[in-house]
Amino acid sequence: MGGHQVFDRITTAGVLFEAGRYFVARRKEGGEIGGLWEFPGGKHRWGETPEQSLAREFMEEFELSVKVGPCLLYHDFMHKQTLFHLQAYWVEAIEPVRYQLREHQEARWVTFDELLELPLVPSDTAIRDKLAELSFA
């Protein structure tokens, strides 16, 4: 058998939208996507639902409790030898948003116009495009 083995990985992202602004975070410097902005989320762990995974990621990365809402977007993309299945959900903060940065160098609330100006990780441009489609801009 020839060819390369392709691995599958599920990742999640949360779109936290409050008072006309989106919560985004800037990755720490280093690596291919270091310093780029993203909607918070991360890798899905075996035994978790995507919703549980996303709630865990918000807690680990920001000490922020969220309620995961409906799915906004499913987006598949290849990176190196991995097929990623990105699942983006609407999320809502359970308490007033007070966060601690644990894995990012910066986080901020941005309008859609500001979001258009930020250099996003490549996978999250699909989320931004979906938001534009839905007129949440």
N, C-alpha and C. Protein backbone atom coordinates (compact mmCIF):
# COMPACT_ATOMS: atom_id res chain seq x y z
N MET A 1 0.84 -1.19 0.00
CA MET A 1 0.00 0.00 0.00
C MET A 1 0.88 1.25 0.00
N GLY A 2 0.60 2.14 -0.91
CA GLY A 2 1.36 3.38 -0.97
C GLY A 2 0.58 4.51 -0.35
N GLY A 3 1.17 5.68 -0.41
CA GLY A 3 0.47 6.87 0.09
C GLY A 3 0.76 7.14 1.55
N HIS A 4 0.15 8.17 2.01
CA HIS A 4 0.34 8.60 3.39
C HIS A 4 -0.93 8.38 4.18
N GLN A 5 -0.75 8.09 5.45
CA GLN A 5 -1.90 7.93 6.32
C GLN A 5 -2.42 9.31 6.71
N VAL A 6 -3.74 9.46 6.67
CA VAL A 6 -4.37 10.71 7.07
C VAL A 6 -5.05 10.48 8.41
N PHE A 7 -4.86 11.41 9.33
CA PHE A 7 -5.45 11.33 10.65
C PHE A 7 -6.64 12.28 10.71
N ASP A 8 -7.60 11.94 11.53
CA ASP A 8 -8.77 12.80 11.74
C ASP A 8 -8.69 13.42 13.12
N ARG A 9 -9.09 14.67 13.22
CA ARG A 9 -9.13 15.33 14.52
C ARG A 9 -10.30 16.30 14.56
N ILE A 10 -11.07 16.23 15.64
CA ILE A 10 -12.18 17.16 15.83
C ILE A 10 -11.68 18.33 16.67
N THR A 11 -11.98 19.53 16.22
CA THR A 11 -11.67 20.73 17.00
C THR A 11 -12.94 21.56 17.15
N THR A 12 -12.97 22.36 18.19
CA THR A 12 -14.15 23.19 18.44
C THR A 12 -13.74 24.65 18.57
N ALA A 13 -14.68 25.52 18.28
CA ALA A 13 -14.47 26.95 18.47
C ALA A 13 -15.77 27.54 18.99
N GLY A 14 -15.65 28.54 19.85
CA GLY A 14 -16.82 29.17 20.44
C GLY A 14 -16.94 30.62 20.02
N VAL A 15 -18.12 30.99 19.55
CA VAL A 15 -18.38 32.37 19.17
C VAL A 15 -19.18 33.01 20.30
N LEU A 16 -18.49 33.81 21.09
CA LEU A 16 -19.09 34.53 22.21
C LEU A 16 -19.39 35.95 21.72
N PHE A 17 -20.67 36.28 21.63
CA PHE A 17 -21.12 37.55 21.07
C PHE A 17 -21.95 38.26 22.12
N GLU A 18 -21.52 39.45 22.48
CA GLU A 18 -22.21 40.20 23.53
C GLU A 18 -22.15 41.68 23.19
N ALA A 19 -23.27 42.35 23.26
CA ALA A 19 -23.35 43.81 23.06
C ALA A 19 -22.68 44.24 21.75
N GLY A 20 -22.91 43.46 20.69
CA GLY A 20 -22.39 43.83 19.38
C GLY A 20 -20.93 43.55 19.15
N ARG A 21 -20.31 42.78 20.05
CA ARG A 21 -18.88 42.48 19.91
C ARG A 21 -18.61 40.98 20.09
N TYR A 22 -17.53 40.55 19.46
CA TYR A 22 -17.09 39.16 19.52
C TYR A 22 -15.85 39.06 20.40
N PHE A 23 -15.77 37.96 21.17
CA PHE A 23 -14.61 37.71 22.01
C PHE A 23 -13.61 36.88 21.21
N VAL A 24 -12.42 37.42 21.02
CA VAL A 24 -11.36 36.72 20.29
C VAL A 24 -10.07 36.77 21.10
N ALA A 25 -9.18 35.85 20.80
CA ALA A 25 -7.93 35.77 21.55
C ALA A 25 -6.76 35.62 20.58
N ARG A 26 -5.64 36.19 20.97
CA ARG A 26 -4.42 36.13 20.16
C ARG A 26 -3.50 35.05 20.71
N ARG A 27 -3.11 34.14 19.84
CA ARG A 27 -2.24 33.04 20.24
C ARG A 27 -0.86 33.57 20.61
N LYS A 28 -0.20 32.86 21.51
CA LYS A 28 1.18 33.22 21.86
C LYS A 28 2.07 33.05 20.62
N GLU A 29 3.15 33.82 20.59
CA GLU A 29 4.08 33.75 19.47
C GLU A 29 4.71 32.36 19.38
N GLY A 30 5.10 31.99 18.18
CA GLY A 30 5.77 30.71 17.96
C GLY A 30 4.93 29.79 17.08
N GLY A 31 5.59 29.02 16.27
CA GLY A 31 4.89 28.09 15.39
C GLY A 31 4.26 28.79 14.20
N GLU A 32 3.59 28.00 13.38
CA GLU A 32 3.00 28.52 12.15
C GLU A 32 1.90 29.55 12.39
N ILE A 33 1.13 29.37 13.45
CA ILE A 33 -0.01 30.28 13.67
C ILE A 33 0.15 31.12 14.93
N GLY A 34 1.36 31.17 15.45
CA GLY A 34 1.63 32.01 16.61
C GLY A 34 1.37 33.48 16.29
N GLY A 35 0.77 34.19 17.22
CA GLY A 35 0.49 35.61 17.05
C GLY A 35 -0.79 35.92 16.30
N LEU A 36 -1.44 34.89 15.75
CA LEU A 36 -2.69 35.11 15.03
C LEU A 36 -3.88 35.07 15.99
N TRP A 37 -4.99 35.64 15.57
CA TRP A 37 -6.20 35.70 16.38
C TRP A 37 -7.10 34.52 16.07
N GLU A 38 -7.93 34.15 17.07
CA GLU A 38 -8.84 33.03 16.89
C GLU A 38 -10.05 33.18 17.78
N PHE A 39 -11.09 32.46 17.39
CA PHE A 39 -12.21 32.27 18.30
C PHE A 39 -11.77 31.17 19.26
N PRO A 40 -11.96 31.34 20.56
CA PRO A 40 -11.46 30.35 21.52
C PRO A 40 -12.03 28.95 21.27
N GLY A 41 -11.24 27.97 21.61
CA GLY A 41 -11.64 26.58 21.46
C GLY A 41 -10.41 25.70 21.51
N GLY A 42 -10.53 24.51 20.95
CA GLY A 42 -9.38 23.63 20.95
C GLY A 42 -9.72 22.22 20.55
N LYS A 43 -8.80 21.34 20.90
CA LYS A 43 -8.91 19.95 20.49
C LYS A 43 -9.94 19.19 21.34
N HIS A 44 -10.66 18.36 20.66
CA HIS A 44 -11.65 17.49 21.27
C HIS A 44 -10.94 16.29 21.89
N ARG A 45 -11.31 15.91 23.08
CA ARG A 45 -10.73 14.73 23.74
C ARG A 45 -11.68 13.55 23.62
N TRP A 46 -11.09 12.37 23.55
CA TRP A 46 -11.89 11.15 23.46
C TRP A 46 -12.83 11.08 24.67
N GLY A 47 -14.08 10.71 24.43
CA GLY A 47 -15.05 10.57 25.50
C GLY A 47 -15.86 11.82 25.77
N GLU A 48 -15.47 12.94 25.19
CA GLU A 48 -16.21 14.19 25.37
C GLU A 48 -17.14 14.42 24.18
N THR A 49 -18.22 15.11 24.43
CA THR A 49 -19.00 15.63 23.31
C THR A 49 -18.29 16.91 22.86
N PRO A 50 -18.54 17.36 21.65
CA PRO A 50 -17.93 18.63 21.24
C PRO A 50 -18.31 19.78 22.18
N GLU A 51 -19.53 19.76 22.67
CA GLU A 51 -19.98 20.81 23.59
C GLU A 51 -19.20 20.78 24.90
N GLN A 52 -18.96 19.58 25.44
CA GLN A 52 -18.17 19.44 26.66
C GLN A 52 -16.74 19.90 26.42
N SER A 53 -16.21 19.55 25.27
CA SER A 53 -14.85 19.95 24.91
C SER A 53 -14.72 21.46 24.88
N LEU A 54 -15.69 22.13 24.28
CA LEU A 54 -15.64 23.58 24.16
C LEU A 54 -15.76 24.25 25.52
N ALA A 55 -16.66 23.77 26.36
CA ALA A 55 -16.81 24.34 27.71
C ALA A 55 -15.51 24.15 28.50
N ARG A 56 -14.87 22.98 28.36
CA ARG A 56 -13.60 22.72 29.04
C ARG A 56 -12.51 23.67 28.56
N GLU A 57 -12.44 23.87 27.26
CA GLU A 57 -11.42 24.76 26.70
C GLU A 57 -11.58 26.19 27.21
N PHE A 58 -12.81 26.70 27.27
CA PHE A 58 -13.02 28.05 27.79
C PHE A 58 -12.58 28.14 29.25
N MET A 59 -12.85 27.09 30.02
CA MET A 59 -12.45 27.10 31.43
C MET A 59 -10.92 27.02 31.55
N GLU A 60 -10.28 26.12 30.80
CA GLU A 60 -8.83 25.98 30.88
C GLU A 60 -8.09 27.22 30.38
N GLU A 61 -8.57 27.81 29.30
CA GLU A 61 -7.83 28.91 28.68
C GLU A 61 -8.15 30.27 29.28
N PHE A 62 -9.37 30.43 29.83
CA PHE A 62 -9.80 31.76 30.30
C PHE A 62 -10.45 31.78 31.68
N GLU A 63 -10.57 30.60 32.31
CA GLU A 63 -11.32 30.49 33.58
C GLU A 63 -12.70 31.11 33.42
N LEU A 64 -13.33 30.79 32.30
CA LEU A 64 -14.62 31.37 31.95
C LEU A 64 -15.63 30.25 31.74
N SER A 65 -16.72 30.28 32.52
CA SER A 65 -17.79 29.30 32.37
C SER A 65 -18.74 29.75 31.27
N VAL A 66 -18.97 28.84 30.32
CA VAL A 66 -19.88 29.17 29.22
C VAL A 66 -20.93 28.09 29.05
N LYS A 67 -22.05 28.52 28.52
CA LYS A 67 -23.11 27.61 28.09
C LYS A 67 -22.98 27.50 26.58
N VAL A 68 -22.85 26.28 26.08
CA VAL A 68 -22.68 26.07 24.65
C VAL A 68 -24.05 25.96 24.00
N GLY A 69 -24.25 26.77 22.99
CA GLY A 69 -25.52 26.83 22.28
C GLY A 69 -25.48 26.05 20.97
N PRO A 70 -26.29 26.50 20.01
CA PRO A 70 -26.38 25.78 18.74
C PRO A 70 -25.10 25.86 17.91
N CYS A 71 -24.95 24.87 17.06
CA CYS A 71 -23.80 24.85 16.16
C CYS A 71 -23.99 25.91 15.08
N LEU A 72 -22.95 26.65 14.84
CA LEU A 72 -22.95 27.70 13.82
C LEU A 72 -22.40 27.17 12.50
N LEU A 73 -21.39 26.29 12.58
CA LEU A 73 -20.68 25.90 11.37
C LEU A 73 -19.92 24.60 11.58
N TYR A 74 -19.96 23.75 10.57
CA TYR A 74 -19.05 22.60 10.46
C TYR A 74 -18.12 22.92 9.30
N HIS A 75 -16.83 22.76 9.51
CA HIS A 75 -15.87 23.10 8.46
C HIS A 75 -14.72 22.11 8.51
N ASP A 76 -14.49 21.40 7.41
CA ASP A 76 -13.38 20.45 7.32
C ASP A 76 -12.23 21.10 6.57
N PHE A 77 -11.01 20.85 7.04
CA PHE A 77 -9.83 21.36 6.34
C PHE A 77 -8.65 20.44 6.62
N MET A 78 -7.73 20.41 5.67
CA MET A 78 -6.51 19.60 5.81
C MET A 78 -5.37 20.49 6.27
N HIS A 79 -4.58 19.97 7.18
CA HIS A 79 -3.34 20.62 7.58
C HIS A 79 -2.31 19.53 7.76
N LYS A 80 -1.29 19.58 6.92
CA LYS A 80 -0.27 18.53 6.88
C LYS A 80 -0.99 17.21 6.61
N GLN A 81 -0.86 16.23 7.47
CA GLN A 81 -1.50 14.93 7.22
C GLN A 81 -2.71 14.72 8.12
N THR A 82 -3.34 15.79 8.53
CA THR A 82 -4.50 15.66 9.41
C THR A 82 -5.71 16.34 8.78
N LEU A 83 -6.82 15.62 8.79
CA LEU A 83 -8.10 16.18 8.36
C LEU A 83 -8.81 16.68 9.62
N PHE A 84 -8.94 17.98 9.73
CA PHE A 84 -9.58 18.59 10.89
C PHE A 84 -11.07 18.79 10.62
N HIS A 85 -11.87 18.50 11.61
CA HIS A 85 -13.31 18.73 11.56
C HIS A 85 -13.61 19.81 12.59
N LEU A 86 -13.68 21.05 12.14
CA LEU A 86 -13.95 22.17 13.03
C LEU A 86 -15.45 22.31 13.24
N GLN A 87 -15.85 22.37 14.49
CA GLN A 87 -17.25 22.59 14.84
C GLN A 87 -17.31 23.87 15.66
N ALA A 88 -17.96 24.89 15.09
CA ALA A 88 -18.07 26.18 15.77
C ALA A 88 -19.47 26.33 16.34
N TYR A 89 -19.53 26.76 17.60
CA TYR A 89 -20.80 26.90 18.31
C TYR A 89 -20.96 28.31 18.84
N TRP A 90 -22.19 28.74 18.97
CA TRP A 90 -22.49 29.94 19.73
C TRP A 90 -22.28 29.60 21.19
N VAL A 91 -21.67 30.47 21.95
CA VAL A 91 -21.53 30.26 23.39
C VAL A 91 -21.99 31.51 24.12
N GLU A 92 -22.40 31.30 25.35
CA GLU A 92 -22.89 32.40 26.19
C GLU A 92 -22.20 32.30 27.54
N ALA A 93 -21.71 33.42 28.03
CA ALA A 93 -21.07 33.43 29.35
C ALA A 93 -22.13 33.19 30.42
N ILE A 94 -21.83 32.31 31.36
CA ILE A 94 -22.78 31.99 32.43
C ILE A 94 -22.83 33.12 33.45
N GLU A 95 -21.70 33.76 33.68
CA GLU A 95 -21.62 34.89 34.61
C GLU A 95 -21.04 36.07 33.85
N PRO A 96 -21.07 37.26 34.43
CA PRO A 96 -20.42 38.39 33.74
C PRO A 96 -18.98 38.01 33.37
N VAL A 97 -18.58 38.43 32.18
CA VAL A 97 -17.29 38.00 31.65
C VAL A 97 -16.13 38.67 32.37
N ARG A 98 -15.43 37.85 33.14
CA ARG A 98 -14.15 38.22 33.74
C ARG A 98 -13.24 37.04 33.43
N TYR A 99 -12.21 37.28 32.70
CA TYR A 99 -11.37 36.16 32.26
C TYR A 99 -9.92 36.36 32.67
N GLN A 100 -9.23 35.24 32.73
CA GLN A 100 -7.78 35.20 32.98
C GLN A 100 -7.13 34.57 31.77
N LEU A 101 -6.08 35.17 31.26
CA LEU A 101 -5.37 34.57 30.13
C LEU A 101 -4.47 33.46 30.63
N ARG A 102 -4.67 32.26 30.13
CA ARG A 102 -3.86 31.11 30.53
C ARG A 102 -2.97 30.63 29.38
N GLU A 103 -3.47 30.71 28.15
CA GLU A 103 -2.73 30.16 27.01
C GLU A 103 -2.59 31.14 25.86
N HIS A 104 -3.13 32.33 25.98
CA HIS A 104 -3.06 33.32 24.92
C HIS A 104 -2.30 34.54 25.41
N GLN A 105 -1.79 35.34 24.48
CA GLN A 105 -1.07 36.54 24.90
C GLN A 105 -1.99 37.73 25.05
N GLU A 106 -3.18 37.65 24.46
CA GLU A 106 -4.11 38.79 24.54
C GLU A 106 -5.51 38.30 24.19
N ALA A 107 -6.51 38.98 24.70
CA ALA A 107 -7.90 38.73 24.32
C ALA A 107 -8.60 40.07 24.28
N ARG A 108 -9.60 40.17 23.42
CA ARG A 108 -10.35 41.43 23.36
C ARG A 108 -11.72 41.21 22.74
N TRP A 109 -12.56 42.21 22.95
CA TRP A 109 -13.89 42.25 22.33
C TRP A 109 -13.78 43.11 21.09
N VAL A 110 -14.26 42.61 19.95
CA VAL A 110 -14.14 43.36 18.70
C VAL A 110 -15.48 43.39 17.96
N THR A 111 -15.69 44.47 17.22
CA THR A 111 -16.84 44.54 16.32
C THR A 111 -16.53 43.68 15.10
N PHE A 112 -17.54 43.46 14.26
CA PHE A 112 -17.29 42.68 13.05
C PHE A 112 -16.28 43.40 12.15
N ASP A 113 -16.40 44.71 12.03
CA ASP A 113 -15.45 45.46 11.20
C ASP A 113 -14.02 45.31 11.72
N GLU A 114 -13.85 45.32 13.03
CA GLU A 114 -12.52 45.11 13.61
C GLU A 114 -12.04 43.68 13.36
N LEU A 115 -12.97 42.73 13.42
CA LEU A 115 -12.64 41.33 13.16
C LEU A 115 -12.08 41.16 11.75
N LEU A 116 -12.63 41.92 10.81
CA LEU A 116 -12.15 41.85 9.42
C LEU A 116 -10.69 42.28 9.29
N GLU A 117 -10.24 43.12 10.21
CA GLU A 117 -8.87 43.65 10.15
C GLU A 117 -7.85 42.76 10.87
N LEU A 118 -8.32 41.85 11.71
CA LEU A 118 -7.40 41.01 12.48
C LEU A 118 -6.89 39.85 11.64
N PRO A 119 -5.60 39.52 11.77
CA PRO A 119 -5.09 38.32 11.10
C PRO A 119 -5.55 37.08 11.88
N LEU A 120 -6.51 36.35 11.30
CA LEU A 120 -7.07 35.17 11.95
C LEU A 120 -6.29 33.91 11.57
N VAL A 121 -6.35 32.91 12.44
CA VAL A 121 -5.84 31.59 12.06
C VAL A 121 -6.65 31.16 10.84
N PRO A 122 -6.03 30.47 9.89
CA PRO A 122 -6.73 30.15 8.64
C PRO A 122 -8.08 29.46 8.82
N SER A 123 -8.18 28.54 9.77
CA SER A 123 -9.44 27.81 9.95
C SER A 123 -10.59 28.71 10.38
N ASP A 124 -10.29 29.77 11.10
CA ASP A 124 -11.36 30.62 11.63
C ASP A 124 -11.88 31.64 10.63
N THR A 125 -11.23 31.75 9.47
CA THR A 125 -11.79 32.64 8.45
C THR A 125 -13.14 32.11 7.98
N ALA A 126 -13.34 30.79 8.02
CA ALA A 126 -14.64 30.21 7.65
C ALA A 126 -15.73 30.65 8.63
N ILE A 127 -15.38 30.79 9.90
CA ILE A 127 -16.35 31.27 10.89
C ILE A 127 -16.71 32.72 10.60
N ARG A 128 -15.69 33.53 10.36
CA ARG A 128 -15.93 34.94 10.04
C ARG A 128 -16.82 35.06 8.80
N ASP A 129 -16.55 34.24 7.78
CA ASP A 129 -17.36 34.28 6.56
C ASP A 129 -18.81 33.89 6.84
N LYS A 130 -19.00 32.91 7.70
CA LYS A 130 -20.36 32.48 8.06
C LYS A 130 -21.09 33.60 8.80
N LEU A 131 -20.41 34.29 9.70
CA LEU A 131 -21.03 35.41 10.42
C LEU A 131 -21.45 36.50 9.44
N ALA A 132 -20.63 36.76 8.43
CA ALA A 132 -20.98 37.77 7.42
C ALA A 132 -22.22 37.33 6.65
N GLU A 133 -22.29 36.04 6.32
CA GLU A 133 -23.45 35.48 5.62
C GLU A 133 -24.74 35.66 6.41
N LEU A 134 -24.64 35.48 7.71
CA LEU A 134 -25.82 35.54 8.58
C LEU A 134 -26.20 36.96 8.96
N SER A 135 -25.44 37.91 8.47
CA SER A 135 -25.69 39.33 8.77
C SER A 135 -25.56 39.66 10.24
N PHE A 136 -24.65 38.96 10.93
CA PHE A 136 -24.35 39.30 12.31
C PHE A 136 -23.23 40.32 12.35
N ALA A 137 -22.83 40.76 11.19
CA ALA A 137 -21.73 41.72 11.10
C ALA A 137 -22.14 43.05 11.66
